[in-house]
N, C-alpha and C. Protein backbone atom coordinates (compact mmCIF):
# COMPACT_ATOMS: atom_id res chain seq x y z
N MET A 1 14.55 -12.74 -31.20
CA MET A 1 14.07 -12.10 -30.01
C MET A 1 15.15 -12.19 -28.93
N ILE A 2 15.40 -11.08 -28.26
CA ILE A 2 16.44 -11.02 -27.25
C ILE A 2 15.81 -11.14 -25.87
N GLY A 3 16.37 -11.98 -25.01
CA GLY A 3 15.89 -12.11 -23.64
C GLY A 3 14.63 -12.95 -23.53
N ASP A 4 14.15 -13.04 -22.32
CA ASP A 4 12.94 -13.81 -22.06
C ASP A 4 11.71 -12.99 -22.42
N PRO A 5 10.66 -13.68 -22.87
CA PRO A 5 9.42 -12.95 -23.13
C PRO A 5 8.87 -12.38 -21.82
N ALA A 6 8.14 -11.31 -21.93
CA ALA A 6 7.58 -10.67 -20.74
C ALA A 6 6.64 -11.65 -20.02
N GLN A 7 6.82 -11.73 -18.73
CA GLN A 7 5.98 -12.60 -17.92
C GLN A 7 4.86 -11.77 -17.30
N PRO A 8 3.66 -12.33 -17.27
CA PRO A 8 2.58 -11.58 -16.63
C PRO A 8 2.84 -11.48 -15.14
N PRO A 9 2.30 -10.44 -14.50
CA PRO A 9 2.50 -10.32 -13.05
C PRO A 9 1.90 -11.52 -12.33
N HIS A 10 2.49 -11.87 -11.23
CA HIS A 10 1.97 -13.01 -10.46
C HIS A 10 1.35 -12.51 -9.17
N LYS A 11 0.54 -13.33 -8.57
CA LYS A 11 -0.01 -13.04 -7.24
C LYS A 11 0.98 -13.62 -6.25
N CYS A 12 1.52 -12.77 -5.41
CA CYS A 12 2.52 -13.22 -4.45
C CYS A 12 1.93 -14.26 -3.50
N GLU A 13 2.78 -15.20 -3.12
CA GLU A 13 2.41 -16.24 -2.17
C GLU A 13 3.40 -16.18 -1.01
N PHE A 14 2.87 -15.91 0.19
CA PHE A 14 3.71 -15.77 1.37
C PHE A 14 3.50 -16.98 2.27
N PRO A 15 4.56 -17.78 2.49
CA PRO A 15 4.41 -18.97 3.31
C PRO A 15 4.10 -18.62 4.77
N VAL A 16 3.20 -19.39 5.36
CA VAL A 16 2.81 -19.14 6.75
C VAL A 16 3.04 -20.36 7.65
N GLN A 17 3.80 -21.34 7.14
CA GLN A 17 4.12 -22.51 7.95
C GLN A 17 5.63 -22.56 8.19
N PRO A 18 6.02 -22.84 9.43
CA PRO A 18 7.45 -22.97 9.73
C PRO A 18 8.08 -24.04 8.86
N PRO A 19 9.31 -23.91 8.48
CA PRO A 19 10.26 -22.91 8.93
C PRO A 19 10.28 -21.66 8.05
N GLU A 20 9.45 -21.60 7.00
CA GLU A 20 9.49 -20.47 6.07
C GLU A 20 8.77 -19.22 6.57
N GLY A 21 7.81 -19.39 7.48
CA GLY A 21 7.05 -18.26 7.98
C GLY A 21 6.03 -18.72 9.00
N SER A 22 5.18 -17.78 9.42
CA SER A 22 4.11 -18.10 10.37
C SER A 22 2.94 -17.17 10.08
N TRP A 23 1.81 -17.43 10.75
CA TRP A 23 0.64 -16.56 10.53
C TRP A 23 0.95 -15.13 10.93
N SER A 24 1.71 -14.95 12.00
CA SER A 24 2.01 -13.58 12.45
C SER A 24 3.17 -12.94 11.69
N HIS A 25 4.03 -13.76 11.09
CA HIS A 25 5.17 -13.25 10.32
C HIS A 25 5.35 -14.09 9.06
N PRO A 26 4.52 -13.82 8.03
CA PRO A 26 4.66 -14.59 6.78
C PRO A 26 6.06 -14.43 6.19
N GLY A 27 6.52 -15.49 5.54
CA GLY A 27 7.82 -15.45 4.88
C GLY A 27 7.77 -14.67 3.58
N ASP A 28 8.91 -14.55 2.93
CA ASP A 28 9.00 -13.83 1.66
C ASP A 28 8.26 -14.60 0.56
N CYS A 29 7.82 -13.89 -0.47
CA CYS A 29 7.12 -14.51 -1.59
C CYS A 29 8.00 -15.59 -2.20
N ARG A 30 7.39 -16.71 -2.50
CA ARG A 30 8.14 -17.83 -3.06
C ARG A 30 8.58 -17.57 -4.50
N ARG A 31 7.90 -16.67 -5.19
CA ARG A 31 8.20 -16.45 -6.61
C ARG A 31 9.12 -15.26 -6.85
N CYS A 32 8.91 -14.17 -6.09
CA CYS A 32 9.71 -12.97 -6.40
C CYS A 32 10.58 -12.49 -5.24
N GLY A 33 10.39 -13.05 -4.05
CA GLY A 33 11.21 -12.66 -2.90
C GLY A 33 10.74 -11.42 -2.17
N LYS A 34 9.60 -10.84 -2.59
CA LYS A 34 9.08 -9.65 -1.93
C LYS A 34 8.67 -10.00 -0.50
N THR A 35 8.96 -9.09 0.43
CA THR A 35 8.58 -9.34 1.82
C THR A 35 7.11 -9.00 2.03
N TRP A 36 6.55 -9.54 3.12
CA TRP A 36 5.15 -9.25 3.48
C TRP A 36 4.98 -7.74 3.70
N ALA A 37 5.94 -7.12 4.38
CA ALA A 37 5.85 -5.68 4.65
C ALA A 37 5.84 -4.87 3.35
N GLN A 38 6.68 -5.25 2.38
CA GLN A 38 6.68 -4.55 1.09
C GLN A 38 5.32 -4.69 0.41
N SER A 39 4.77 -5.88 0.46
CA SER A 39 3.48 -6.13 -0.16
C SER A 39 2.38 -5.27 0.48
N GLN A 40 2.39 -5.21 1.82
CA GLN A 40 1.38 -4.42 2.52
C GLN A 40 1.53 -2.93 2.22
N THR A 41 2.77 -2.46 2.13
CA THR A 41 3.01 -1.05 1.80
C THR A 41 2.49 -0.73 0.41
N GLU A 42 2.77 -1.62 -0.56
CA GLU A 42 2.26 -1.41 -1.92
C GLU A 42 0.74 -1.37 -1.94
N GLN A 43 0.13 -2.26 -1.17
CA GLN A 43 -1.34 -2.30 -1.12
C GLN A 43 -1.90 -1.00 -0.54
N LYS A 44 -1.29 -0.50 0.53
CA LYS A 44 -1.74 0.75 1.15
C LYS A 44 -1.56 1.93 0.20
N MET A 45 -0.45 1.95 -0.54
CA MET A 45 -0.24 3.03 -1.50
C MET A 45 -1.28 2.98 -2.61
N THR A 46 -1.62 1.78 -3.06
CA THR A 46 -2.65 1.62 -4.09
C THR A 46 -3.98 2.13 -3.57
N GLU A 47 -4.30 1.80 -2.31
CA GLU A 47 -5.55 2.28 -1.71
C GLU A 47 -5.55 3.80 -1.60
N ALA A 48 -4.42 4.39 -1.22
CA ALA A 48 -4.33 5.85 -1.12
C ALA A 48 -4.50 6.49 -2.49
N GLN A 49 -3.89 5.90 -3.51
CA GLN A 49 -4.05 6.44 -4.86
C GLN A 49 -5.50 6.36 -5.31
N ALA A 50 -6.20 5.29 -4.93
CA ALA A 50 -7.61 5.15 -5.29
C ALA A 50 -8.45 6.22 -4.59
N VAL A 51 -8.14 6.51 -3.34
CA VAL A 51 -8.87 7.55 -2.62
C VAL A 51 -8.64 8.90 -3.29
N ILE A 52 -7.39 9.17 -3.64
CA ILE A 52 -7.06 10.44 -4.31
C ILE A 52 -7.81 10.53 -5.63
N ALA A 53 -7.82 9.45 -6.39
CA ALA A 53 -8.53 9.46 -7.67
C ALA A 53 -10.03 9.62 -7.47
N ASP A 54 -10.59 8.93 -6.45
CA ASP A 54 -12.03 9.03 -6.18
C ASP A 54 -12.43 10.46 -5.81
N LEU A 55 -11.54 11.15 -5.13
CA LEU A 55 -11.84 12.52 -4.72
C LEU A 55 -11.54 13.53 -5.83
N GLY A 56 -10.99 13.04 -6.94
CA GLY A 56 -10.69 13.92 -8.07
C GLY A 56 -9.49 14.80 -7.83
N LEU A 57 -8.61 14.40 -6.94
CA LEU A 57 -7.41 15.17 -6.65
C LEU A 57 -6.31 14.80 -7.63
N ILE A 58 -5.32 15.65 -7.73
CA ILE A 58 -4.16 15.34 -8.56
C ILE A 58 -3.18 14.52 -7.74
N ALA A 59 -2.28 13.85 -8.40
CA ALA A 59 -1.25 13.08 -7.71
C ALA A 59 -0.28 14.03 -7.04
N VAL A 60 0.13 13.71 -5.82
CA VAL A 60 1.05 14.55 -5.06
C VAL A 60 2.16 13.67 -4.50
N SER A 61 3.24 14.31 -4.11
CA SER A 61 4.33 13.57 -3.49
C SER A 61 3.95 13.18 -2.07
N ARG A 62 4.68 12.24 -1.51
CA ARG A 62 4.41 11.79 -0.14
C ARG A 62 4.56 12.95 0.84
N ASP A 63 5.58 13.78 0.66
CA ASP A 63 5.79 14.91 1.57
C ASP A 63 4.65 15.91 1.48
N ASP A 64 4.17 16.17 0.26
CA ASP A 64 3.03 17.07 0.10
C ASP A 64 1.79 16.48 0.77
N LEU A 65 1.61 15.17 0.61
CA LEU A 65 0.45 14.52 1.22
C LEU A 65 0.53 14.59 2.74
N LEU A 66 1.72 14.38 3.29
CA LEU A 66 1.89 14.50 4.74
C LEU A 66 1.53 15.90 5.22
N ALA A 67 1.94 16.91 4.49
CA ALA A 67 1.62 18.29 4.87
C ALA A 67 0.11 18.54 4.83
N VAL A 68 -0.54 18.03 3.80
CA VAL A 68 -2.00 18.18 3.71
C VAL A 68 -2.68 17.45 4.85
N LEU A 69 -2.25 16.23 5.13
CA LEU A 69 -2.86 15.45 6.20
C LEU A 69 -2.69 16.12 7.56
N ALA A 70 -1.54 16.75 7.77
CA ALA A 70 -1.29 17.42 9.04
C ALA A 70 -2.31 18.52 9.31
N GLU A 71 -2.84 19.11 8.26
CA GLU A 71 -3.80 20.20 8.39
C GLU A 71 -5.25 19.78 8.16
N SER A 72 -5.48 18.51 7.79
CA SER A 72 -6.80 18.14 7.27
C SER A 72 -7.61 17.17 8.11
N GLU A 73 -7.10 16.72 9.23
CA GLU A 73 -7.86 15.74 10.01
C GLU A 73 -9.22 16.33 10.37
N GLY A 74 -10.26 15.58 10.13
CA GLY A 74 -11.62 16.03 10.39
C GLY A 74 -12.29 16.65 9.18
N PHE A 75 -11.53 16.96 8.14
CA PHE A 75 -12.10 17.58 6.95
C PHE A 75 -12.12 16.65 5.74
N ILE A 76 -11.29 15.60 5.75
CA ILE A 76 -11.23 14.67 4.63
C ILE A 76 -12.03 13.44 4.99
N GLY A 77 -12.95 13.04 4.13
CA GLY A 77 -13.61 11.76 4.31
C GLY A 77 -15.00 11.81 4.89
N GLY A 78 -15.56 12.98 5.09
CA GLY A 78 -16.93 13.05 5.57
C GLY A 78 -17.04 12.77 7.06
N LYS A 79 -18.24 12.40 7.48
CA LYS A 79 -18.54 12.23 8.90
C LYS A 79 -17.66 11.19 9.58
N ASP A 80 -17.40 10.07 8.91
CA ASP A 80 -16.65 9.00 9.56
C ASP A 80 -15.13 9.14 9.42
N ASN A 81 -14.68 10.12 8.65
CA ASN A 81 -13.24 10.39 8.50
C ASN A 81 -12.49 9.21 7.88
N ALA A 82 -13.19 8.32 7.17
CA ALA A 82 -12.57 7.10 6.62
C ALA A 82 -11.48 7.40 5.61
N ALA A 83 -11.70 8.35 4.72
CA ALA A 83 -10.70 8.66 3.70
C ALA A 83 -9.42 9.18 4.36
N PHE A 84 -9.56 10.04 5.37
CA PHE A 84 -8.38 10.54 6.08
C PHE A 84 -7.63 9.38 6.72
N THR A 85 -8.37 8.48 7.36
CA THR A 85 -7.75 7.35 8.04
C THR A 85 -6.97 6.49 7.06
N ARG A 86 -7.54 6.21 5.88
CA ARG A 86 -6.86 5.39 4.89
C ARG A 86 -5.62 6.10 4.35
N LEU A 87 -5.74 7.39 4.07
CA LEU A 87 -4.58 8.13 3.57
C LEU A 87 -3.49 8.20 4.62
N ALA A 88 -3.86 8.50 5.84
CA ALA A 88 -2.87 8.61 6.91
C ALA A 88 -2.15 7.29 7.13
N ALA A 89 -2.89 6.19 7.10
CA ALA A 89 -2.26 4.87 7.27
C ALA A 89 -1.32 4.57 6.12
N ALA A 90 -1.70 4.99 4.93
CA ALA A 90 -0.88 4.69 3.75
C ALA A 90 0.47 5.39 3.78
N VAL A 91 0.52 6.56 4.38
CA VAL A 91 1.79 7.30 4.41
C VAL A 91 2.45 7.28 5.78
N GLY A 92 1.86 6.57 6.72
CA GLY A 92 2.51 6.37 8.02
C GLY A 92 2.27 7.46 9.03
N VAL A 93 1.19 8.23 8.91
CA VAL A 93 0.88 9.25 9.91
C VAL A 93 0.25 8.56 11.11
N GLN A 94 0.70 8.90 12.30
CA GLN A 94 0.13 8.29 13.51
C GLN A 94 -0.62 9.30 14.32
């Protein structure tokens, strides 16, 4: 066998005690080095993909999604507009 056996994915651990980090600015993951911001972005993208799948939509590029969102506020997500809000947050629409 060549190389290391495949390792299962781990749950990132972000230190929140000085000097490695704080509650407002967690440090990088102790196991893989991923930053808190990268982790949050991945989580938001996963949530956006779940919304797209729940709505039965096909996968689209970020640029296509931005174009749709620009025209869709008030029409995606029903009365409370929750799906639009989650999608917009995931791709950085303000």
